[in-house]
Full PDB file with SEQRES, HELIX, SHEET, SSBOND, CRYST1, ORIGX, SCALE, CONECT and MASTER records, all heavy atoms in Angstrom:
SEQRES   1 A   33  LYS ARG TYR ARG ARG LEU ARG LEU LEU ASN ILE ALA TYR          
SEQRES   2 A   33  VAL PHE SER VAL MET ASN ALA ALA ALA LEU VAL GLY LEU          
SEQRES   3 A   33  LEU TYR PHE ILE ARG GLY LYS                                  
HELIX    1 AA1 ARG A    2  ARG A    5  5                                   4    
HELIX    2 AA2 ARG A    7  ILE A   30  1                                  24    
CRYST1    1.000    1.000    1.000  90.00  90.00  90.00 P 1           1          
ORIGX1      1.000000  0.000000  0.000000        0.00000                         
ORIGX2      0.000000  1.000000  0.000000        0.00000                         
ORIGX3      0.000000  0.000000  1.000000        0.00000                         
SCALE1      1.000000  0.000000  0.000000        0.00000                         
SCALE2      0.000000  1.000000  0.000000        0.00000                         
SCALE3      0.000000  0.000000  1.000000        0.00000                         
ATOM      1  N   LYS A   1     -14.348   2.736   1.903  1.00  0.00           N  
ATOM      2  CA  LYS A   1     -14.328   2.154   3.244  1.00  0.00           C  
ATOM      3  C   LYS A   1     -15.199   0.878   3.449  1.00  0.00           C  
ATOM      4  O   LYS A   1     -15.056   0.177   4.340  1.00  0.00           O  
ATOM      5  CB  LYS A   1     -14.715   3.199   4.216  1.00  0.00           C  
ATOM      6  CG  LYS A   1     -13.723   4.328   4.340  1.00  0.00           C  
ATOM      7  CD  LYS A   1     -14.086   5.313   5.393  1.00  0.00           C  
ATOM      8  CE  LYS A   1     -13.021   6.390   5.427  1.00  0.00           C  
ATOM      9  NZ  LYS A   1     -13.296   7.413   6.449  1.00  0.00           N  
ATOM     10  N   ARG A   2     -16.060   0.596   2.441  1.00  0.00           N  
ATOM     11  CA  ARG A   2     -16.944  -0.554   2.607  1.00  0.00           C  
ATOM     12  C   ARG A   2     -16.143  -1.849   2.383  1.00  0.00           C  
ATOM     13  O   ARG A   2     -16.643  -2.906   2.796  1.00  0.00           O  
ATOM     14  CB  ARG A   2     -18.085  -0.415   1.625  1.00  0.00           C  
ATOM     15  CG  ARG A   2     -19.030   0.660   1.939  1.00  0.00           C  
ATOM     16  CD  ARG A   2     -20.177   0.738   0.947  1.00  0.00           C  
ATOM     17  NE  ARG A   2     -19.482   1.033  -0.302  1.00  0.00           N  
ATOM     18  CZ  ARG A   2     -20.147   1.436  -1.448  1.00  0.00           C  
ATOM     19  NH1 ARG A   2     -21.481   1.468  -1.408  1.00  0.00           N  
ATOM     20  NH2 ARG A   2     -19.495   1.741  -2.514  1.00  0.00           N  
ATOM     21  N   TYR A   3     -15.050  -1.862   1.761  1.00  0.00           N  
ATOM     22  CA  TYR A   3     -14.286  -3.098   1.480  1.00  0.00           C  
ATOM     23  C   TYR A   3     -13.811  -3.687   2.758  1.00  0.00           C  
ATOM     24  O   TYR A   3     -13.504  -4.826   2.807  1.00  0.00           O  
ATOM     25  CB  TYR A   3     -13.094  -2.787   0.585  1.00  0.00           C  
ATOM     26  CG  TYR A   3     -11.933  -2.078   1.309  1.00  0.00           C  
ATOM     27  CD1 TYR A   3     -10.890  -2.748   1.913  1.00  0.00           C  
ATOM     28  CD2 TYR A   3     -11.780  -0.647   1.196  1.00  0.00           C  
ATOM     29  CE1 TYR A   3      -9.949  -2.185   2.590  1.00  0.00           C  
ATOM     30  CE2 TYR A   3     -10.738   0.001   1.867  1.00  0.00           C  
ATOM     31  CZ  TYR A   3      -9.817  -0.758   2.488  1.00  0.00           C  
ATOM     32  OH  TYR A   3      -8.753  -0.115   3.170  1.00  0.00           O  
ATOM     33  N   ARG A   4     -13.735  -2.948   3.797  1.00  0.00           N  
ATOM     34  CA  ARG A   4     -13.213  -3.497   5.200  1.00  0.00           C  
ATOM     35  C   ARG A   4     -14.097  -4.571   5.679  1.00  0.00           C  
ATOM     36  O   ARG A   4     -13.648  -5.388   6.406  1.00  0.00           O  
ATOM     37  CB  ARG A   4     -12.983  -2.296   6.100  1.00  0.00           C  
ATOM     38  CG  ARG A   4     -11.883  -1.373   5.813  1.00  0.00           C  
ATOM     39  CD  ARG A   4     -11.729  -0.307   6.777  1.00  0.00           C  
ATOM     40  NE  ARG A   4     -10.657   0.613   6.340  1.00  0.00           N  
ATOM     41  CZ  ARG A   4     -10.379   1.714   6.964  1.00  0.00           C  
ATOM     42  NH1 ARG A   4     -11.004   2.027   8.066  1.00  0.00           N  
ATOM     43  NH2 ARG A   4      -9.485   2.486   6.452  1.00  0.00           N  
ATOM     44  N   ARG A   5     -15.340  -4.500   5.341  1.00  0.00           N  
ATOM     45  CA  ARG A   5     -16.292  -5.544   5.864  1.00  0.00           C  
ATOM     46  C   ARG A   5     -16.035  -6.933   5.086  1.00  0.00           C  
ATOM     47  O   ARG A   5     -16.405  -7.948   5.561  1.00  0.00           O  
ATOM     48  CB  ARG A   5     -17.758  -5.089   5.611  1.00  0.00           C  
ATOM     49  CG  ARG A   5     -18.166  -4.130   6.578  1.00  0.00           C  
ATOM     50  CD  ARG A   5     -19.562  -3.681   6.374  1.00  0.00           C  
ATOM     51  NE  ARG A   5     -19.634  -2.253   6.101  1.00  0.00           N  
ATOM     52  CZ  ARG A   5     -20.374  -1.710   5.162  1.00  0.00           C  
ATOM     53  NH1 ARG A   5     -21.213  -2.470   4.490  1.00  0.00           N  
ATOM     54  NH2 ARG A   5     -20.394  -0.443   4.884  1.00  0.00           N  
ATOM     55  N   LEU A   6     -15.411  -6.840   3.907  1.00  0.00           N  
ATOM     56  CA  LEU A   6     -15.052  -8.013   3.115  1.00  0.00           C  
ATOM     57  C   LEU A   6     -13.645  -8.348   3.455  1.00  0.00           C  
ATOM     58  O   LEU A   6     -12.750  -7.767   2.767  1.00  0.00           O  
ATOM     59  CB  LEU A   6     -15.369  -7.868   1.725  1.00  0.00           C  
ATOM     60  CG  LEU A   6     -16.755  -7.406   1.420  1.00  0.00           C  
ATOM     61  CD1 LEU A   6     -17.014  -6.907  -0.059  1.00  0.00           C  
ATOM     62  CD2 LEU A   6     -17.787  -8.544   1.644  1.00  0.00           C  
ATOM     63  N   ARG A   7     -13.357  -9.347   4.282  1.00  0.00           N  
ATOM     64  CA  ARG A   7     -12.040  -9.566   4.751  1.00  0.00           C  
ATOM     65  C   ARG A   7     -10.988  -9.873   3.636  1.00  0.00           C  
ATOM     66  O   ARG A   7      -9.819  -9.400   3.675  1.00  0.00           O  
ATOM     67  CB  ARG A   7     -12.072 -10.763   5.695  1.00  0.00           C  
ATOM     68  CG  ARG A   7     -10.772 -11.088   6.391  1.00  0.00           C  
ATOM     69  CD  ARG A   7     -10.963 -12.096   7.571  1.00  0.00           C  
ATOM     70  NE  ARG A   7      -9.766 -12.475   8.096  1.00  0.00           N  
ATOM     71  CZ  ARG A   7      -9.114 -11.872   9.006  1.00  0.00           C  
ATOM     72  NH1 ARG A   7      -9.589 -10.760   9.564  1.00  0.00           N  
ATOM     73  NH2 ARG A   7      -7.982 -12.282   9.538  1.00  0.00           N  
ATOM     74  N   LEU A   8     -11.439 -10.569   2.606  1.00  0.00           N  
ATOM     75  CA  LEU A   8     -10.521 -11.035   1.514  1.00  0.00           C  
ATOM     76  C   LEU A   8     -10.121  -9.736   0.795  1.00  0.00           C  
ATOM     77  O   LEU A   8      -8.950  -9.593   0.421  1.00  0.00           O  
ATOM     78  CB  LEU A   8     -11.130 -12.034   0.694  1.00  0.00           C  
ATOM     79  CG  LEU A   8     -10.181 -12.705  -0.278  1.00  0.00           C  
ATOM     80  CD1 LEU A   8      -9.104 -13.455   0.482  1.00  0.00           C  
ATOM     81  CD2 LEU A   8     -10.963 -13.852  -1.079  1.00  0.00           C  
ATOM     82  N   LEU A   9     -11.088  -8.858   0.490  1.00  0.00           N  
ATOM     83  CA  LEU A   9     -10.747  -7.689  -0.250  1.00  0.00           C  
ATOM     84  C   LEU A   9      -9.865  -6.773   0.736  1.00  0.00           C  
ATOM     85  O   LEU A   9      -8.952  -6.121   0.167  1.00  0.00           O  
ATOM     86  CB  LEU A   9     -11.971  -6.856  -0.535  1.00  0.00           C  
ATOM     87  CG  LEU A   9     -12.856  -7.344  -1.651  1.00  0.00           C  
ATOM     88  CD1 LEU A   9     -14.052  -6.437  -1.880  1.00  0.00           C  
ATOM     89  CD2 LEU A   9     -12.097  -7.700  -2.901  1.00  0.00           C  
ATOM     90  N   ASN A  10     -10.083  -6.702   1.947  1.00  0.00           N  
ATOM     91  CA  ASN A  10      -9.288  -5.898   2.846  1.00  0.00           C  
ATOM     92  C   ASN A  10      -7.872  -6.369   2.850  1.00  0.00           C  
ATOM     93  O   ASN A  10      -6.917  -5.605   2.764  1.00  0.00           O  
ATOM     94  CB  ASN A  10      -9.918  -5.991   4.229  1.00  0.00           C  
ATOM     95  CG  ASN A  10      -9.229  -4.986   5.238  1.00  0.00           C  
ATOM     96  OD1 ASN A  10      -8.729  -3.988   4.867  1.00  0.00           O  
ATOM     97  ND2 ASN A  10      -9.196  -5.367   6.503  1.00  0.00           N  
ATOM     98  N   ILE A  11      -7.642  -7.644   2.978  1.00  0.00           N  
ATOM     99  CA  ILE A  11      -6.275  -8.174   2.961  1.00  0.00           C  
ATOM    100  C   ILE A  11      -5.529  -7.888   1.667  1.00  0.00           C  
ATOM    101  O   ILE A  11      -4.408  -7.420   1.722  1.00  0.00           O  
ATOM    102  CB  ILE A  11      -6.284  -9.729   3.250  1.00  0.00           C  
ATOM    103  CG1 ILE A  11      -6.739 -10.013   4.646  1.00  0.00           C  
ATOM    104  CG2 ILE A  11      -4.920 -10.327   2.989  1.00  0.00           C  
ATOM    105  CD1 ILE A  11      -7.160 -11.481   4.982  1.00  0.00           C  
ATOM    106  N   ALA A  12      -6.287  -8.080   0.576  1.00  0.00           N  
ATOM    107  CA  ALA A  12      -5.565  -7.818  -0.723  1.00  0.00           C  
ATOM    108  C   ALA A  12      -5.266  -6.390  -0.912  1.00  0.00           C  
ATOM    109  O   ALA A  12      -4.202  -6.004  -1.310  1.00  0.00           O  
ATOM    110  CB  ALA A  12      -6.565  -8.251  -1.930  1.00  0.00           C  
ATOM    111  N   TYR A  13      -6.190  -5.490  -0.485  1.00  0.00           N  
ATOM    112  CA  TYR A  13      -5.981  -4.017  -0.581  1.00  0.00           C  
ATOM    113  C   TYR A  13      -4.809  -3.589   0.285  1.00  0.00           C  
ATOM    114  O   TYR A  13      -3.895  -2.951  -0.203  1.00  0.00           O  
ATOM    115  CB  TYR A  13      -7.301  -3.308  -0.192  1.00  0.00           C  
ATOM    116  CG  TYR A  13      -7.187  -1.880  -0.282  1.00  0.00           C  
ATOM    117  CD1 TYR A  13      -7.160  -1.233  -1.595  1.00  0.00           C  
ATOM    118  CD2 TYR A  13      -7.007  -0.987   0.807  1.00  0.00           C  
ATOM    119  CE1 TYR A  13      -7.063   0.161  -1.686  1.00  0.00           C  
ATOM    120  CE2 TYR A  13      -6.877   0.290   0.671  1.00  0.00           C  
ATOM    121  CZ  TYR A  13      -6.922   0.915  -0.613  1.00  0.00           C  
ATOM    122  OH  TYR A  13      -6.779   2.231  -0.653  1.00  0.00           O  
ATOM    123  N   VAL A  14      -4.810  -3.930   1.587  1.00  0.00           N  
ATOM    124  CA  VAL A  14      -3.708  -3.515   2.502  1.00  0.00           C  
ATOM    125  C   VAL A  14      -2.379  -4.028   2.015  1.00  0.00           C  
ATOM    126  O   VAL A  14      -1.401  -3.369   2.048  1.00  0.00           O  
ATOM    127  CB  VAL A  14      -4.031  -3.887   3.888  1.00  0.00           C  
ATOM    128  CG1 VAL A  14      -2.911  -3.724   4.843  1.00  0.00           C  
ATOM    129  CG2 VAL A  14      -5.333  -3.148   4.469  1.00  0.00           C  
ATOM    130  N   PHE A  15      -2.358  -5.280   1.628  1.00  0.00           N  
ATOM    131  CA  PHE A  15      -1.096  -5.918   1.116  1.00  0.00           C  
ATOM    132  C   PHE A  15      -0.515  -5.078  -0.019  1.00  0.00           C  
ATOM    133  O   PHE A  15       0.641  -4.689  -0.121  1.00  0.00           O  
ATOM    134  CB  PHE A  15      -1.334  -7.367   0.759  1.00  0.00           C  
ATOM    135  CG  PHE A  15      -0.070  -8.043   0.163  1.00  0.00           C  
ATOM    136  CD1 PHE A  15       0.910  -8.589   0.946  1.00  0.00           C  
ATOM    137  CD2 PHE A  15      -0.031  -8.144  -1.222  1.00  0.00           C  
ATOM    138  CE1 PHE A  15       2.007  -9.118   0.471  1.00  0.00           C  
ATOM    139  CE2 PHE A  15       1.100  -8.808  -1.757  1.00  0.00           C  
ATOM    140  CZ  PHE A  15       2.037  -9.319  -0.960  1.00  0.00           C  
ATOM    141  N   SER A  16      -1.390  -4.750  -0.971  1.00  0.00           N  
ATOM    142  CA  SER A  16      -0.950  -4.105  -2.219  1.00  0.00           C  
ATOM    143  C   SER A  16      -0.573  -2.621  -1.913  1.00  0.00           C  
ATOM    144  O   SER A  16       0.386  -2.095  -2.380  1.00  0.00           O  
ATOM    145  CB  SER A  16      -2.114  -4.104  -3.253  1.00  0.00           C  
ATOM    146  OG  SER A  16      -2.258  -5.478  -3.648  1.00  0.00           O  
ATOM    147  N   VAL A  17      -1.357  -1.975  -1.099  1.00  0.00           N  
ATOM    148  CA  VAL A  17      -1.005  -0.597  -0.682  1.00  0.00           C  
ATOM    149  C   VAL A  17       0.299  -0.512   0.089  1.00  0.00           C  
ATOM    150  O   VAL A  17       1.113   0.377  -0.221  1.00  0.00           O  
ATOM    151  CB  VAL A  17      -2.168   0.058   0.125  1.00  0.00           C  
ATOM    152  CG1 VAL A  17      -1.727   1.365   0.790  1.00  0.00           C  
ATOM    153  CG2 VAL A  17      -3.458   0.338  -0.807  1.00  0.00           C  
ATOM    154  N   MET A  18       0.575  -1.436   0.903  1.00  0.00           N  
ATOM    155  CA  MET A  18       1.854  -1.451   1.691  1.00  0.00           C  
ATOM    156  C   MET A  18       2.993  -1.705   0.737  1.00  0.00           C  
ATOM    157  O   MET A  18       4.107  -1.087   0.897  1.00  0.00           O  
ATOM    158  CB  MET A  18       1.839  -2.406   2.803  1.00  0.00           C  
ATOM    159  CG  MET A  18       0.829  -2.065   3.908  1.00  0.00           C  
ATOM    160  SD  MET A  18       1.063  -0.353   4.616  1.00  0.00           S  
ATOM    161  CE  MET A  18      -0.388   0.489   3.862  1.00  0.00           C  
ATOM    162  N   ASN A  19       2.846  -2.558  -0.286  1.00  0.00           N  
ATOM    163  CA  ASN A  19       3.908  -2.708  -1.284  1.00  0.00           C  
ATOM    164  C   ASN A  19       4.124  -1.513  -2.227  1.00  0.00           C  
ATOM    165  O   ASN A  19       5.241  -1.206  -2.533  1.00  0.00           O  
ATOM    166  CB  ASN A  19       3.672  -3.974  -2.083  1.00  0.00           C  
ATOM    167  CG  ASN A  19       4.071  -5.257  -1.297  1.00  0.00           C  
ATOM    168  OD1 ASN A  19       5.312  -5.442  -1.067  1.00  0.00           O  
ATOM    169  ND2 ASN A  19       3.238  -6.071  -0.964  1.00  0.00           N  
ATOM    170  N   ALA A  20       3.048  -0.869  -2.492  1.00  0.00           N  
ATOM    171  CA  ALA A  20       3.139   0.425  -3.218  1.00  0.00           C  
ATOM    172  C   ALA A  20       3.798   1.506  -2.443  1.00  0.00           C  
ATOM    173  O   ALA A  20       4.652   2.231  -2.881  1.00  0.00           O  
ATOM    174  CB  ALA A  20       1.744   0.842  -3.625  1.00  0.00           C  
ATOM    175  N   ALA A  21       3.584   1.477  -1.115  1.00  0.00           N  
ATOM    176  CA  ALA A  21       4.314   2.486  -0.239  1.00  0.00           C  
ATOM    177  C   ALA A  21       5.825   2.132  -0.196  1.00  0.00           C  
ATOM    178  O   ALA A  21       6.578   3.069  -0.048  1.00  0.00           O  
ATOM    179  CB  ALA A  21       3.756   2.414   1.187  1.00  0.00           C  
ATOM    180  N   ALA A  22       6.242   0.857  -0.354  1.00  0.00           N  
ATOM    181  CA  ALA A  22       7.589   0.565  -0.453  1.00  0.00           C  
ATOM    182  C   ALA A  22       8.243   1.184  -1.679  1.00  0.00           C  
ATOM    183  O   ALA A  22       9.382   1.625  -1.621  1.00  0.00           O  
ATOM    184  CB  ALA A  22       7.870  -0.930  -0.534  1.00  0.00           C  
ATOM    185  N   LEU A  23       7.473   1.156  -2.772  1.00  0.00           N  
ATOM    186  CA  LEU A  23       7.997   1.786  -3.982  1.00  0.00           C  
ATOM    187  C   LEU A  23       8.143   3.253  -3.788  1.00  0.00           C  
ATOM    188  O   LEU A  23       9.108   3.979  -4.313  1.00  0.00           O  
ATOM    189  CB  LEU A  23       7.142   1.399  -5.181  1.00  0.00           C  
ATOM    190  CG  LEU A  23       7.210  -0.006  -5.698  1.00  0.00           C  
ATOM    191  CD1 LEU A  23       6.214  -0.211  -6.803  1.00  0.00           C  
ATOM    192  CD2 LEU A  23       8.530  -0.387  -6.121  1.00  0.00           C  
ATOM    193  N   VAL A  24       7.132   3.887  -3.212  1.00  0.00           N  
ATOM    194  CA  VAL A  24       7.100   5.334  -3.037  1.00  0.00           C  
ATOM    195  C   VAL A  24       8.267   5.780  -2.058  1.00  0.00           C  
ATOM    196  O   VAL A  24       8.903   6.714  -2.293  1.00  0.00           O  
ATOM    197  CB  VAL A  24       5.741   5.824  -2.441  1.00  0.00           C  
ATOM    198  CG1 VAL A  24       5.823   7.303  -1.924  1.00  0.00           C  
ATOM    199  CG2 VAL A  24       4.647   5.676  -3.476  1.00  0.00           C  
ATOM    200  N   GLY A  25       8.517   4.874  -1.023  1.00  0.00           N  
ATOM    201  CA  GLY A  25       9.711   5.143  -0.152  1.00  0.00           C  
ATOM    202  C   GLY A  25      10.912   5.110  -0.943  1.00  0.00           C  
ATOM    203  O   GLY A  25      11.842   5.871  -0.639  1.00  0.00           O  
ATOM    204  N   LEU A  26      11.083   4.217  -1.856  1.00  0.00           N  
ATOM    205  CA  LEU A  26      12.251   4.063  -2.668  1.00  0.00           C  
ATOM    206  C   LEU A  26      12.421   5.430  -3.525  1.00  0.00           C  
ATOM    207  O   LEU A  26      13.519   5.981  -3.648  1.00  0.00           O  
ATOM    208  CB  LEU A  26      12.238   2.897  -3.617  1.00  0.00           C  
ATOM    209  CG  LEU A  26      13.452   2.837  -4.570  1.00  0.00           C  
ATOM    210  CD1 LEU A  26      14.710   2.708  -3.974  1.00  0.00           C  
ATOM    211  CD2 LEU A  26      13.209   1.565  -5.488  1.00  0.00           C  
ATOM    212  N   LEU A  27      11.318   5.859  -4.088  1.00  0.00           N  
ATOM    213  CA  LEU A  27      11.363   7.061  -4.901  1.00  0.00           C  
ATOM    214  C   LEU A  27      11.744   8.234  -3.917  1.00  0.00           C  
ATOM    215  O   LEU A  27      12.577   9.137  -4.396  1.00  0.00           O  
ATOM    216  CB  LEU A  27      10.022   7.351  -5.545  1.00  0.00           C  
ATOM    217  CG  LEU A  27       9.658   6.420  -6.629  1.00  0.00           C  
ATOM    218  CD1 LEU A  27       8.221   6.664  -7.180  1.00  0.00           C  
ATOM    219  CD2 LEU A  27      10.631   6.468  -7.843  1.00  0.00           C  
ATOM    220  N   TYR A  28      11.122   8.385  -2.747  1.00  0.00           N  
ATOM    221  CA  TYR A  28      11.567   9.435  -1.886  1.00  0.00           C  
ATOM    222  C   TYR A  28      13.096   9.355  -1.581  1.00  0.00           C  
ATOM    223  O   TYR A  28      13.745  10.369  -1.629  1.00  0.00           O  
ATOM    224  CB  TYR A  28      10.886   9.243  -0.506  1.00  0.00           C  
ATOM    225  CG  TYR A  28       9.436   9.671  -0.504  1.00  0.00           C  
ATOM    226  CD1 TYR A  28       8.639   9.334   0.661  1.00  0.00           C  
ATOM    227  CD2 TYR A  28       8.855  10.277  -1.488  1.00  0.00           C  
ATOM    228  CE1 TYR A  28       7.308   9.587   0.706  1.00  0.00           C  
ATOM    229  CE2 TYR A  28       7.467  10.584  -1.481  1.00  0.00           C  
ATOM    230  CZ  TYR A  28       6.738  10.349  -0.355  1.00  0.00           C  
ATOM    231  OH  TYR A  28       5.406  10.591  -0.274  1.00  0.00           O  
ATOM    232  N   PHE A  29      13.572   8.153  -1.348  1.00  0.00           N  
ATOM    233  CA  PHE A  29      15.052   8.001  -1.110  1.00  0.00           C  
ATOM    234  C   PHE A  29      15.856   8.459  -2.326  1.00  0.00           C  
ATOM    235  O   PHE A  29      16.902   9.191  -2.142  1.00  0.00           O  
ATOM    236  CB  PHE A  29      15.285   6.557  -0.668  1.00  0.00           C  
ATOM    237  CG  PHE A  29      16.777   6.280  -0.449  1.00  0.00           C  
ATOM    238  CD1 PHE A  29      17.375   6.764   0.686  1.00  0.00           C  
ATOM    239  CD2 PHE A  29      17.533   5.513  -1.341  1.00  0.00           C  
ATOM    240  CE1 PHE A  29      18.790   6.455   0.924  1.00  0.00           C  
ATOM    241  CE2 PHE A  29      18.882   5.356  -1.096  1.00  0.00           C  
ATOM    242  CZ  PHE A  29      19.485   5.785   0.047  1.00  0.00           C  
ATOM    243  N   ILE A  30      15.522   7.975  -3.477  1.00  0.00           N  
ATOM    244  CA  ILE A  30      16.334   8.332  -4.715  1.00  0.00           C  
ATOM    245  C   ILE A  30      16.315   9.755  -4.934  1.00  0.00           C  
ATOM    246  O   ILE A  30      17.285  10.298  -5.302  1.00  0.00           O  
ATOM    247  CB  ILE A  30      15.793   7.525  -5.860  1.00  0.00           C  
ATOM    248  CG1 ILE A  30      16.054   5.998  -5.764  1.00  0.00           C  
ATOM    249  CG2 ILE A  30      16.363   8.095  -7.245  1.00  0.00           C  
ATOM    250  CD1 ILE A  30      15.366   5.142  -6.769  1.00  0.00           C  
ATOM    251  N   ARG A  31      15.134  10.368  -4.773  1.00  0.00           N  
ATOM    252  CA  ARG A  31      15.107  11.847  -4.980  1.00  0.00           C  
ATOM    253  C   ARG A  31      15.591  12.667  -3.872  1.00  0.00           C  
ATOM    254  O   ARG A  31      15.747  13.859  -3.960  1.00  0.00           O  
ATOM    255  CB  ARG A  31      13.655  12.189  -5.174  1.00  0.00           C  
ATOM    256  CG  ARG A  31      13.057  11.590  -6.527  1.00  0.00           C  
ATOM    257  CD  ARG A  31      11.704  11.847  -6.786  1.00  0.00           C  
ATOM    258  NE  ARG A  31      11.224  13.254  -6.389  1.00  0.00           N  
ATOM    259  CZ  ARG A  31       9.921  13.545  -5.845  1.00  0.00           C  
ATOM    260  NH1 ARG A  31       9.020  12.502  -5.870  1.00  0.00           N  
ATOM    261  NH2 ARG A  31       9.563  14.671  -5.516  1.00  0.00           N  
ATOM    262  N   GLY A  32      16.033  12.019  -2.779  1.00  0.00           N  
ATOM    263  CA  GLY A  32      16.662  12.809  -1.620  1.00  0.00           C  
ATOM    264  C   GLY A  32      15.652  13.487  -0.863  1.00  0.00           C  
ATOM    265  O   GLY A  32      15.964  14.442  -0.078  1.00  0.00           O  
ATOM    266  N   LYS A  33      14.417  13.112  -0.927  1.00  0.00           N  
ATOM    267  CA  LYS A  33      13.343  13.758  -0.191  1.00  0.00           C  
ATOM    268  C   LYS A  33      13.408  13.451   1.270  1.00  0.00           C  
ATOM    269  O   LYS A  33      13.406  12.178   1.643  1.00  0.00           O  
ATOM    270  CB  LYS A  33      12.003  13.311  -0.814  1.00  0.00           C  
ATOM    271  CG  LYS A  33      10.849  14.106  -0.275  1.00  0.00           C  
ATOM    272  CD  LYS A  33       9.599  13.698  -1.134  1.00  0.00           C  
ATOM    273  CE  LYS A  33       8.400  14.497  -0.541  1.00  0.00           C  
ATOM    274  NZ  LYS A  33       7.195  14.241  -1.289  1.00  0.00           N  
TER     275      LYS A  33                                                      
MASTER        0    0    0    2    0    0    0    6  274    1    0    3          
END                                                                             
């Protein structure tokens, strides 16, 4: 949680996590979950 104080780290982290969520969403869809 300390990364939130560092704006650049926060932006990079949130951007990457949301793109990872897109891949997980695709896996859910493919698996019929």
